[in-house]
Amino acid sequence: MAMAMTTHTPKGPMSRSAAASLVLEVVLSIGALGGGLVLIVAPRGEIMPLPLSALAGSPFETYLGPGLILFTVLGLAPLVAARLAWIRHPLAPVAAFVVGAALLIWVAVEIAIIGYSNEPPLQAIYLTLGAVITVVALGWLTEVGLPAFHHRNAKEV
């Protein structure tokens, strides 16, 4: 698949859905890479003032695990999805949907484990971002349809 990503040549202008998805995925990625890196480097809350007691009831004793998940799943994966949108790959709308759903799941699990906090309102912001990415992806999928399983039949997005 990496080979297909590097050899796929975009044709024509990017759709509005693709452009919106790309921008939203990059915004998410920047925040998640930064937040994940901080949690990885300082897993006991030394940089980001997060009490370890907030992890009570979770499978984690420090923020290292959540930091790794945040960095990879919500930091790197959206960059892959944005790249797919950039090259107009047929799987780009599906990737956008997966990114939006992953963010919604992340925030829901976070709220279930540590509770809702509006100080700062990061959960509300990322919940909204996840919903917007998901809605954009669903609209995009409505426009282009599900990708074909055979590359030669796949529609460019």
N, C-alpha and C. Protein backbone atom coordinates (compact mmCIF):
# COMPACT_ATOMS: atom_id res chain seq x y z
N MET A 1 0.82 -1.19 0.00
CA MET A 1 0.00 0.00 0.00
C MET A 1 0.86 1.25 0.00
N ALA A 2 2.00 1.23 0.70
CA ALA A 2 2.88 2.38 0.70
C ALA A 2 3.33 2.71 -0.72
N MET A 3 3.54 1.67 -1.51
CA MET A 3 3.93 1.86 -2.90
C MET A 3 2.84 2.61 -3.65
N ALA A 4 1.59 2.22 -3.44
CA ALA A 4 0.48 2.88 -4.12
C ALA A 4 0.35 4.33 -3.67
N MET A 5 0.65 4.60 -2.39
CA MET A 5 0.54 5.96 -1.89
C MET A 5 1.57 6.87 -2.56
N THR A 6 2.76 6.36 -2.82
CA THR A 6 3.80 7.20 -3.38
C THR A 6 3.68 7.35 -4.89
N THR A 7 3.01 6.40 -5.56
CA THR A 7 2.93 6.46 -7.01
C THR A 7 1.61 7.02 -7.51
N HIS A 8 0.63 7.19 -6.64
CA HIS A 8 -0.68 7.71 -7.05
C HIS A 8 -0.54 9.20 -7.37
N THR A 9 -0.93 9.57 -8.57
CA THR A 9 -0.83 10.96 -8.98
C THR A 9 -2.21 11.59 -8.96
N PRO A 10 -2.40 12.66 -8.17
CA PRO A 10 -3.71 13.30 -8.13
C PRO A 10 -4.06 13.93 -9.46
N LYS A 11 -5.33 13.82 -9.81
CA LYS A 11 -5.82 14.43 -11.04
C LYS A 11 -6.95 15.38 -10.66
N GLY A 12 -6.90 16.55 -11.20
CA GLY A 12 -7.97 17.50 -10.96
C GLY A 12 -7.90 18.13 -9.58
N PRO A 13 -8.80 19.07 -9.35
CA PRO A 13 -8.81 19.78 -8.06
C PRO A 13 -9.32 18.88 -6.94
N MET A 14 -8.88 19.20 -5.74
CA MET A 14 -9.32 18.47 -4.55
C MET A 14 -10.75 18.91 -4.22
N SER A 15 -11.60 17.95 -3.87
CA SER A 15 -12.97 18.28 -3.51
C SER A 15 -12.98 19.07 -2.20
N ARG A 16 -14.09 19.76 -1.94
CA ARG A 16 -14.21 20.53 -0.69
C ARG A 16 -14.18 19.60 0.52
N SER A 17 -14.80 18.42 0.39
CA SER A 17 -14.79 17.46 1.49
C SER A 17 -13.37 16.98 1.77
N ALA A 18 -12.62 16.70 0.72
CA ALA A 18 -11.24 16.24 0.88
C ALA A 18 -10.40 17.33 1.53
N ALA A 19 -10.56 18.57 1.09
CA ALA A 19 -9.79 19.67 1.65
C ALA A 19 -10.14 19.90 3.13
N ALA A 20 -11.43 19.87 3.43
CA ALA A 20 -11.86 20.05 4.83
C ALA A 20 -11.31 18.93 5.70
N SER A 21 -11.41 17.72 5.22
CA SER A 21 -10.90 16.57 5.95
C SER A 21 -9.41 16.69 6.20
N LEU A 22 -8.68 17.04 5.17
CA LEU A 22 -7.23 17.19 5.29
C LEU A 22 -6.87 18.22 6.36
N VAL A 23 -7.51 19.37 6.34
CA VAL A 23 -7.21 20.42 7.31
C VAL A 23 -7.56 19.96 8.73
N LEU A 24 -8.73 19.36 8.90
CA LEU A 24 -9.14 18.90 10.23
C LEU A 24 -8.21 17.81 10.76
N GLU A 25 -7.78 16.91 9.90
CA GLU A 25 -6.87 15.83 10.31
C GLU A 25 -5.50 16.38 10.71
N VAL A 26 -5.01 17.38 10.00
CA VAL A 26 -3.73 17.99 10.36
C VAL A 26 -3.85 18.73 11.70
N VAL A 27 -4.95 19.43 11.92
CA VAL A 27 -5.16 20.13 13.20
C VAL A 27 -5.17 19.11 14.35
N LEU A 28 -5.92 18.03 14.17
CA LEU A 28 -5.96 16.98 15.18
C LEU A 28 -4.57 16.41 15.42
N SER A 29 -3.86 16.13 14.35
CA SER A 29 -2.54 15.52 14.45
C SER A 29 -1.57 16.40 15.23
N ILE A 30 -1.57 17.69 14.96
CA ILE A 30 -0.67 18.60 15.66
C ILE A 30 -0.92 18.55 17.16
N GLY A 31 -2.18 18.64 17.56
CA GLY A 31 -2.51 18.61 18.98
C GLY A 31 -2.18 17.27 19.62
N ALA A 32 -2.48 16.18 18.93
CA ALA A 32 -2.26 14.84 19.50
C ALA A 32 -0.77 14.49 19.56
N LEU A 33 -0.02 14.89 18.54
CA LEU A 33 1.42 14.63 18.58
C LEU A 33 2.07 15.41 19.73
N GLY A 34 1.69 16.66 19.90
CA GLY A 34 2.23 17.47 20.99
C GLY A 34 1.83 16.94 22.35
N GLY A 35 0.54 16.68 22.53
CA GLY A 35 0.05 16.15 23.80
C GLY A 35 0.60 14.78 24.11
N GLY A 36 0.64 13.92 23.10
CA GLY A 36 1.18 12.57 23.29
C GLY A 36 2.65 12.60 23.66
N LEU A 37 3.41 13.45 22.99
CA LEU A 37 4.84 13.56 23.27
C LEU A 37 5.09 14.04 24.70
N VAL A 38 4.32 15.00 25.15
CA VAL A 38 4.46 15.49 26.52
C VAL A 38 4.18 14.37 27.52
N LEU A 39 3.14 13.58 27.27
CA LEU A 39 2.81 12.49 28.19
C LEU A 39 3.85 11.37 28.15
N ILE A 40 4.47 11.15 26.99
CA ILE A 40 5.51 10.13 26.87
C ILE A 40 6.77 10.58 27.60
N VAL A 41 7.16 11.83 27.41
CA VAL A 41 8.39 12.35 28.01
C VAL A 41 8.24 12.53 29.52
N ALA A 42 7.07 12.92 29.96
CA ALA A 42 6.82 13.16 31.39
C ALA A 42 5.56 12.42 31.82
N PRO A 43 5.63 11.09 31.95
CA PRO A 43 4.43 10.29 32.18
C PRO A 43 3.81 10.41 33.58
N ARG A 44 4.47 11.10 34.47
CA ARG A 44 3.91 11.30 35.81
C ARG A 44 3.32 12.70 35.99
N GLY A 45 3.13 13.39 34.89
CA GLY A 45 2.51 14.72 34.94
C GLY A 45 3.50 15.82 35.27
N GLU A 46 4.80 15.60 35.00
CA GLU A 46 5.80 16.60 35.34
C GLU A 46 5.72 17.85 34.47
N ILE A 47 5.28 17.70 33.23
CA ILE A 47 5.17 18.86 32.34
C ILE A 47 3.73 19.34 32.27
N MET A 48 2.84 18.45 31.93
CA MET A 48 1.41 18.76 31.91
C MET A 48 0.88 18.38 33.28
N PRO A 49 0.39 19.35 34.02
CA PRO A 49 -0.01 19.07 35.41
C PRO A 49 -1.27 18.21 35.52
N LEU A 50 -1.06 16.90 35.33
CA LEU A 50 -2.15 15.94 35.45
C LEU A 50 -1.88 15.03 36.63
N PRO A 51 -2.79 14.95 37.56
CA PRO A 51 -2.56 14.07 38.71
C PRO A 51 -2.68 12.60 38.32
N LEU A 52 -1.78 11.77 38.85
CA LEU A 52 -1.85 10.33 38.59
C LEU A 52 -3.14 9.73 39.14
N SER A 53 -3.69 10.39 40.16
CA SER A 53 -4.94 9.89 40.75
C SER A 53 -6.09 9.89 39.73
N ALA A 54 -5.98 10.70 38.68
CA ALA A 54 -7.02 10.73 37.65
C ALA A 54 -7.08 9.42 36.87
N LEU A 55 -5.99 8.63 36.94
CA LEU A 55 -5.94 7.36 36.22
C LEU A 55 -6.55 6.20 37.03
N ALA A 56 -6.99 6.48 38.25
CA ALA A 56 -7.61 5.44 39.06
C ALA A 56 -8.80 4.85 38.31
N GLY A 57 -8.88 3.54 38.27
CA GLY A 57 -9.96 2.87 37.54
C GLY A 57 -9.61 2.60 36.09
N SER A 58 -8.44 3.05 35.66
CA SER A 58 -7.99 2.78 34.30
C SER A 58 -6.93 1.69 34.35
N PRO A 59 -6.56 1.14 33.22
CA PRO A 59 -5.50 0.13 33.22
C PRO A 59 -4.09 0.73 33.30
N PHE A 60 -3.99 2.04 33.49
CA PHE A 60 -2.69 2.72 33.46
C PHE A 60 -2.29 3.26 34.82
N GLU A 61 -1.01 3.13 35.15
CA GLU A 61 -0.48 3.70 36.39
C GLU A 61 0.15 5.06 36.16
N THR A 62 0.63 5.29 34.92
CA THR A 62 1.19 6.58 34.52
C THR A 62 0.55 6.97 33.19
N TYR A 63 0.96 8.12 32.68
CA TYR A 63 0.41 8.61 31.42
C TYR A 63 1.20 8.12 30.19
N LEU A 64 2.16 7.21 30.39
CA LEU A 64 2.93 6.70 29.28
C LEU A 64 2.04 5.98 28.27
N GLY A 65 1.21 5.05 28.72
CA GLY A 65 0.30 4.31 27.81
C GLY A 65 -0.64 5.24 27.07
N PRO A 66 -1.36 6.11 27.79
CA PRO A 66 -2.23 7.05 27.08
C PRO A 66 -1.45 7.96 26.13
N GLY A 67 -0.23 8.32 26.52
CA GLY A 67 0.59 9.17 25.65
C GLY A 67 0.97 8.46 24.37
N LEU A 68 1.31 7.17 24.47
CA LEU A 68 1.66 6.39 23.28
C LEU A 68 0.45 6.23 22.36
N ILE A 69 -0.70 5.97 22.95
CA ILE A 69 -1.94 5.84 22.15
C ILE A 69 -2.27 7.17 21.49
N LEU A 70 -2.20 8.24 22.26
CA LEU A 70 -2.51 9.57 21.73
C LEU A 70 -1.57 9.92 20.57
N PHE A 71 -0.26 9.68 20.77
CA PHE A 71 0.74 10.01 19.76
C PHE A 71 0.53 9.21 18.48
N THR A 72 0.28 7.91 18.61
CA THR A 72 0.19 7.07 17.40
C THR A 72 -1.20 7.10 16.77
N VAL A 73 -2.23 6.78 17.55
CA VAL A 73 -3.58 6.62 16.99
C VAL A 73 -4.18 7.97 16.58
N LEU A 74 -3.98 9.01 17.41
CA LEU A 74 -4.59 10.30 17.10
C LEU A 74 -3.60 11.33 16.60
N GLY A 75 -2.31 10.97 16.58
CA GLY A 75 -1.29 11.87 16.06
C GLY A 75 -0.79 11.45 14.69
N LEU A 76 -0.30 10.22 14.60
CA LEU A 76 0.26 9.73 13.33
C LEU A 76 -0.81 9.28 12.34
N ALA A 77 -1.83 8.57 12.83
CA ALA A 77 -2.87 8.07 11.92
C ALA A 77 -3.58 9.19 11.16
N PRO A 78 -3.91 10.32 11.79
CA PRO A 78 -4.52 11.40 11.00
C PRO A 78 -3.59 11.96 9.91
N LEU A 79 -2.28 11.88 10.14
CA LEU A 79 -1.35 12.32 9.09
C LEU A 79 -1.41 11.38 7.89
N VAL A 80 -1.55 10.09 8.17
CA VAL A 80 -1.72 9.12 7.08
C VAL A 80 -3.02 9.41 6.33
N ALA A 81 -4.09 9.65 7.08
CA ALA A 81 -5.38 9.95 6.45
C ALA A 81 -5.30 11.25 5.64
N ALA A 82 -4.61 12.25 6.17
CA ALA A 82 -4.45 13.51 5.44
C ALA A 82 -3.65 13.30 4.16
N ARG A 83 -2.64 12.46 4.23
CA ARG A 83 -1.84 12.14 3.03
C ARG A 83 -2.72 11.45 1.98
N LEU A 84 -3.58 10.54 2.43
CA LEU A 84 -4.49 9.87 1.50
C LEU A 84 -5.41 10.90 0.83
N ALA A 85 -5.89 11.87 1.61
CA ALA A 85 -6.73 12.92 1.03
C ALA A 85 -5.92 13.75 0.03
N TRP A 86 -4.70 14.09 0.39
CA TRP A 86 -3.83 14.91 -0.46
C TRP A 86 -3.61 14.27 -1.83
N ILE A 87 -3.41 12.95 -1.84
CA ILE A 87 -3.14 12.26 -3.11
C ILE A 87 -4.42 11.75 -3.77
N ARG A 88 -5.57 12.08 -3.17
CA ARG A 88 -6.88 11.69 -3.70
C ARG A 88 -7.04 10.18 -3.80
N HIS A 89 -6.54 9.49 -2.79
CA HIS A 89 -6.64 8.03 -2.75
C HIS A 89 -8.09 7.63 -2.49
N PRO A 90 -8.58 6.58 -3.12
CA PRO A 90 -9.98 6.16 -2.92
C PRO A 90 -10.32 5.80 -1.47
N LEU A 91 -9.34 5.42 -0.67
CA LEU A 91 -9.61 5.08 0.73
C LEU A 91 -9.62 6.30 1.66
N ALA A 92 -9.33 7.48 1.14
CA ALA A 92 -9.26 8.67 1.98
C ALA A 92 -10.53 8.96 2.77
N PRO A 93 -11.73 8.87 2.17
CA PRO A 93 -12.94 9.14 2.97
C PRO A 93 -13.14 8.12 4.09
N VAL A 94 -12.80 6.86 3.84
CA VAL A 94 -12.91 5.84 4.87
C VAL A 94 -11.90 6.13 5.99
N ALA A 95 -10.69 6.50 5.62
CA ALA A 95 -9.66 6.84 6.61
C ALA A 95 -10.11 8.02 7.46
N ALA A 96 -10.72 9.01 6.83
CA ALA A 96 -11.22 10.17 7.57
C ALA A 96 -12.29 9.74 8.57
N PHE A 97 -13.19 8.87 8.14
CA PHE A 97 -14.23 8.38 9.05
C PHE A 97 -13.61 7.64 10.24
N VAL A 98 -12.62 6.79 9.98
CA VAL A 98 -11.96 6.04 11.05
C VAL A 98 -11.29 7.00 12.03
N VAL A 99 -10.64 8.04 11.53
CA VAL A 99 -10.00 9.03 12.39
C VAL A 99 -11.04 9.74 13.27
N GLY A 100 -12.13 10.17 12.66
CA GLY A 100 -13.18 10.84 13.44
C GLY A 100 -13.78 9.93 14.50
N ALA A 101 -14.06 8.69 14.13
CA ALA A 101 -14.61 7.73 15.08
C ALA A 101 -13.62 7.42 16.20
N ALA A 102 -12.34 7.29 15.85
CA ALA A 102 -11.31 7.03 16.86
C ALA A 102 -11.24 8.17 17.87
N LEU A 103 -11.33 9.40 17.40
CA LEU A 103 -11.31 10.54 18.31
C LEU A 103 -12.54 10.56 19.21
N LEU A 104 -13.70 10.27 18.65
CA LEU A 104 -14.92 10.23 19.48
C LEU A 104 -14.81 9.14 20.55
N ILE A 105 -14.28 7.98 20.17
CA ILE A 105 -14.10 6.89 21.13
C ILE A 105 -13.10 7.29 22.21
N TRP A 106 -11.99 7.90 21.81
CA TRP A 106 -10.96 8.34 22.75
C TRP A 106 -11.57 9.27 23.81
N VAL A 107 -12.30 10.28 23.37
CA VAL A 107 -12.88 11.25 24.31
C VAL A 107 -13.93 10.58 25.18
N ALA A 108 -14.75 9.72 24.62
CA ALA A 108 -15.78 9.02 25.41
C ALA A 108 -15.14 8.15 26.49
N VAL A 109 -14.10 7.41 26.14
CA VAL A 109 -13.41 6.57 27.12
C VAL A 109 -12.74 7.44 28.18
N GLU A 110 -12.12 8.51 27.75
CA GLU A 110 -11.47 9.43 28.70
C GLU A 110 -12.49 9.98 29.71
N ILE A 111 -13.64 10.41 29.21
CA ILE A 111 -14.67 10.94 30.10
C ILE A 111 -15.19 9.85 31.02
N ALA A 112 -15.35 8.63 30.51
CA ALA A 112 -15.83 7.52 31.33
C ALA A 112 -14.84 7.19 32.45
N ILE A 113 -13.55 7.28 32.16
CA ILE A 113 -12.53 6.90 33.15
C ILE A 113 -12.21 8.02 34.12
N ILE A 114 -11.93 9.22 33.60
CA ILE A 114 -11.49 10.30 34.50
C ILE A 114 -12.55 11.37 34.73
N GLY A 115 -13.66 11.28 34.02
CA GLY A 115 -14.71 12.27 34.18
C GLY A 115 -14.55 13.43 33.22
N TYR A 116 -15.60 14.25 33.18
CA TYR A 116 -15.58 15.42 32.29
C TYR A 116 -14.96 16.60 33.00
N SER A 117 -14.12 17.31 32.27
CA SER A 117 -13.50 18.51 32.82
C SER A 117 -13.61 19.62 31.79
N ASN A 118 -13.99 20.78 32.23
CA ASN A 118 -14.09 21.94 31.36
C ASN A 118 -12.98 22.94 31.65
N GLU A 119 -11.99 22.53 32.42
CA GLU A 119 -10.89 23.41 32.80
C GLU A 119 -9.57 22.79 32.41
N PRO A 120 -8.98 23.03 31.29
CA PRO A 120 -9.50 23.73 30.12
C PRO A 120 -10.49 22.85 29.35
N PRO A 121 -11.22 23.42 28.43
CA PRO A 121 -12.29 22.67 27.74
C PRO A 121 -11.79 21.77 26.61
N LEU A 122 -10.70 21.07 26.81
CA LEU A 122 -10.13 20.23 25.76
C LEU A 122 -11.05 19.10 25.34
N GLN A 123 -11.74 18.49 26.31
CA GLN A 123 -12.64 17.39 25.96
C GLN A 123 -13.76 17.88 25.05
N ALA A 124 -14.32 19.02 25.35
CA ALA A 124 -15.39 19.58 24.52
C ALA A 124 -14.87 19.93 23.13
N ILE A 125 -13.67 20.50 23.08
CA ILE A 125 -13.07 20.88 21.79
C ILE A 125 -12.82 19.63 20.94
N TYR A 126 -12.20 18.60 21.54
CA TYR A 126 -11.87 17.40 20.77
C TYR A 126 -13.11 16.56 20.46
N LEU A 127 -14.11 16.59 21.31
CA LEU A 127 -15.37 15.92 21.01
C LEU A 127 -16.02 16.58 19.79
N THR A 128 -16.01 17.89 19.76
CA THR A 128 -16.55 18.64 18.61
C THR A 128 -15.73 18.34 17.35
N LEU A 129 -14.40 18.35 17.48
CA LEU A 129 -13.54 18.07 16.33
C LEU A 129 -13.81 16.66 15.79
N GLY A 130 -13.95 15.69 16.69
CA GLY A 130 -14.25 14.32 16.27
C GLY A 130 -15.58 14.23 15.54
N ALA A 131 -16.57 14.94 16.06
CA ALA A 131 -17.89 14.94 15.41
C ALA A 131 -17.82 15.60 14.03
N VAL A 132 -17.09 16.69 13.93
CA VAL A 132 -16.98 17.39 12.64
C VAL A 132 -16.24 16.52 11.63
N ILE A 133 -15.13 15.90 12.03
CA ILE A 133 -14.39 15.02 11.11
C ILE A 133 -15.29 13.88 10.64
N THR A 134 -16.04 13.30 11.56
CA THR A 134 -16.93 12.18 11.21
C THR A 134 -18.03 12.62 10.25
N VAL A 135 -18.64 13.77 10.50
CA VAL A 135 -19.70 14.27 9.62
C VAL A 135 -19.15 14.61 8.23
N VAL A 136 -17.97 15.24 8.19
CA VAL A 136 -17.35 15.55 6.90
C VAL A 136 -17.06 14.25 6.14
N ALA A 137 -16.54 13.26 6.85
CA ALA A 137 -16.22 11.97 6.21
C ALA A 137 -17.49 11.30 5.69
N LEU A 138 -18.55 11.32 6.47
CA LEU A 138 -19.81 10.72 6.01
C LEU A 138 -20.35 11.44 4.77
N GLY A 139 -20.27 12.76 4.77
CA GLY A 139 -20.69 13.52 3.59
C GLY A 139 -19.84 13.19 2.38
N TRP A 140 -18.54 13.06 2.62
CA TRP A 140 -17.60 12.73 1.55
C TRP A 140 -17.91 11.34 0.99
N LEU A 141 -18.17 10.39 1.89
CA LEU A 141 -18.53 9.04 1.45
C LEU A 141 -19.84 9.04 0.67
N THR A 142 -20.76 9.90 1.05
CA THR A 142 -22.03 10.03 0.32
C THR A 142 -21.76 10.54 -1.10
N GLU A 143 -20.81 11.46 -1.23
CA GLU A 143 -20.47 12.02 -2.55
C GLU A 143 -19.81 10.99 -3.46
N VAL A 144 -18.84 10.24 -2.92
CA VAL A 144 -18.02 9.37 -3.77
C VAL A 144 -18.35 7.89 -3.66
N GLY A 145 -19.09 7.50 -2.64
CA GLY A 145 -19.41 6.10 -2.43
C GLY A 145 -18.25 5.36 -1.78
N LEU A 146 -18.52 4.13 -1.41
CA LEU A 146 -17.46 3.30 -0.83
C LEU A 146 -16.46 2.95 -1.91
N PRO A 147 -15.17 2.89 -1.56
CA PRO A 147 -14.17 2.55 -2.58
C PRO A 147 -14.33 1.12 -3.05
N ALA A 148 -14.00 0.91 -4.30
CA ALA A 148 -14.01 -0.44 -4.86
C ALA A 148 -12.86 -1.24 -4.27
N PHE A 149 -13.01 -2.53 -4.20
CA PHE A 149 -11.96 -3.36 -3.63
C PHE A 149 -10.84 -3.61 -4.63
N HIS A 150 -11.11 -3.40 -5.90
CA HIS A 150 -10.08 -3.55 -6.93
C HIS A 150 -9.64 -2.16 -7.35
N HIS A 151 -8.38 -1.88 -7.21
CA HIS A 151 -7.86 -0.53 -7.45
C HIS A 151 -8.25 0.02 -8.82
N ARG A 152 -8.26 -0.80 -9.84
CA ARG A 152 -8.56 -0.29 -11.18
C ARG A 152 -10.00 0.21 -11.29
N ASN A 153 -10.87 -0.23 -10.40
CA ASN A 153 -12.27 0.22 -10.43
C ASN A 153 -12.55 1.35 -9.45
N ALA A 154 -11.57 1.70 -8.61
CA ALA A 154 -11.81 2.71 -7.57
C ALA A 154 -11.92 4.10 -8.18
N LYS A 155 -12.88 4.86 -7.67
CA LYS A 155 -13.05 6.24 -8.13
C LYS A 155 -12.08 7.14 -7.38
N GLU A 156 -11.50 8.11 -8.07
CA GLU A 156 -10.64 9.09 -7.42
C GLU A 156 -11.52 10.03 -6.61
N VAL A 157 -11.02 10.47 -5.47
CA VAL A 157 -11.82 11.32 -4.59
C VAL A 157 -11.38 12.75 -4.62
